[in-house]
Amino acid sequence: YKEVKIILFTHKINGLHENDFIVAYKCDLLI
């Protein structure tokens, strides 16, 4: 399941660059 999530996640990043920045920003907040 993890591999599938990673593949879907990469596809979302390739399709939505703005969403990529938002996800990266949220990840920074979590850390």
N, C-alpha and C. Protein backbone atom coordinates (compact mmCIF):
# COMPACT_ATOMS: atom_id res chain seq x y z
N TYR A 1 0.83 -1.21 0.00
CA TYR A 1 0.00 0.00 0.00
C TYR A 1 0.87 1.26 0.00
N LYS A 2 1.98 1.22 0.70
CA LYS A 2 2.86 2.39 0.76
C LYS A 2 3.36 2.76 -0.63
N GLU A 3 3.76 1.75 -1.41
CA GLU A 3 4.28 2.05 -2.76
C GLU A 3 3.21 2.72 -3.61
N VAL A 4 1.98 2.25 -3.49
CA VAL A 4 0.88 2.82 -4.27
C VAL A 4 0.66 4.28 -3.88
N LYS A 5 0.69 4.56 -2.57
CA LYS A 5 0.50 5.93 -2.10
C LYS A 5 1.61 6.83 -2.64
N ILE A 6 2.84 6.33 -2.64
CA ILE A 6 3.97 7.13 -3.14
C ILE A 6 3.77 7.45 -4.62
N ILE A 7 3.34 6.46 -5.40
CA ILE A 7 3.12 6.67 -6.83
C ILE A 7 2.02 7.71 -7.05
N LEU A 8 0.91 7.58 -6.33
CA LEU A 8 -0.19 8.54 -6.46
C LEU A 8 0.28 9.92 -6.03
N PHE A 9 1.09 9.97 -4.97
CA PHE A 9 1.58 11.25 -4.46
C PHE A 9 2.46 11.94 -5.51
N THR A 10 3.34 11.18 -6.14
CA THR A 10 4.23 11.76 -7.15
C THR A 10 3.42 12.26 -8.34
N HIS A 11 2.37 11.52 -8.71
CA HIS A 11 1.54 11.95 -9.84
C HIS A 11 0.83 13.26 -9.51
N LYS A 12 0.38 13.40 -8.26
CA LYS A 12 -0.29 14.63 -7.84
C LYS A 12 0.68 15.80 -7.91
N ILE A 13 1.94 15.57 -7.49
CA ILE A 13 2.95 16.64 -7.52
C ILE A 13 3.23 17.05 -8.96
N ASN A 14 3.34 16.06 -9.85
CA ASN A 14 3.62 16.36 -11.25
C ASN A 14 2.46 17.14 -11.88
N GLY A 15 1.24 16.87 -11.40
CA GLY A 15 0.07 17.52 -11.97
C GLY A 15 -0.23 18.86 -11.31
N LEU A 16 0.05 18.94 -10.00
CA LEU A 16 -0.26 20.18 -9.27
C LEU A 16 0.97 20.69 -8.54
N HIS A 17 1.67 21.63 -9.18
CA HIS A 17 2.90 22.14 -8.57
C HIS A 17 2.58 22.98 -7.34
N GLU A 18 1.48 23.71 -7.38
CA GLU A 18 1.10 24.55 -6.24
C GLU A 18 0.82 23.67 -5.04
N ASN A 19 0.15 22.53 -5.26
CA ASN A 19 -0.18 21.62 -4.17
C ASN A 19 1.11 21.07 -3.57
N ASP A 20 2.14 20.91 -4.41
CA ASP A 20 3.43 20.39 -3.94
C ASP A 20 4.01 21.34 -2.90
N PHE A 21 3.93 22.63 -3.16
CA PHE A 21 4.47 23.62 -2.21
C PHE A 21 3.67 23.59 -0.91
N ILE A 22 2.35 23.42 -1.03
CA ILE A 22 1.48 23.39 0.16
C ILE A 22 1.82 22.17 1.01
N VAL A 23 1.99 21.02 0.37
CA VAL A 23 2.32 19.78 1.10
C VAL A 23 3.67 19.92 1.77
N ALA A 24 4.64 20.48 1.06
CA ALA A 24 5.99 20.65 1.62
C ALA A 24 5.93 21.59 2.82
N TYR A 25 5.10 22.63 2.72
CA TYR A 25 4.96 23.60 3.81
C TYR A 25 4.36 22.91 5.03
N LYS A 26 3.32 22.08 4.82
CA LYS A 26 2.68 21.36 5.93
C LYS A 26 3.66 20.38 6.56
N CYS A 27 4.47 19.72 5.74
CA CYS A 27 5.45 18.76 6.26
C CYS A 27 6.46 19.49 7.15
N ASP A 28 6.85 20.69 6.74
CA ASP A 28 7.79 21.48 7.54
C ASP A 28 7.17 21.83 8.89
N LEU A 29 5.86 22.11 8.89
CA LEU A 29 5.18 22.46 10.15
C LEU A 29 5.12 21.24 11.06
N LEU A 30 4.90 20.06 10.46
CA LEU A 30 4.81 18.83 11.27
C LEU A 30 6.15 18.52 11.91
N ILE A 31 7.23 18.81 11.18
CA ILE A 31 8.57 18.52 11.72
C ILE A 31 8.87 19.51 12.82
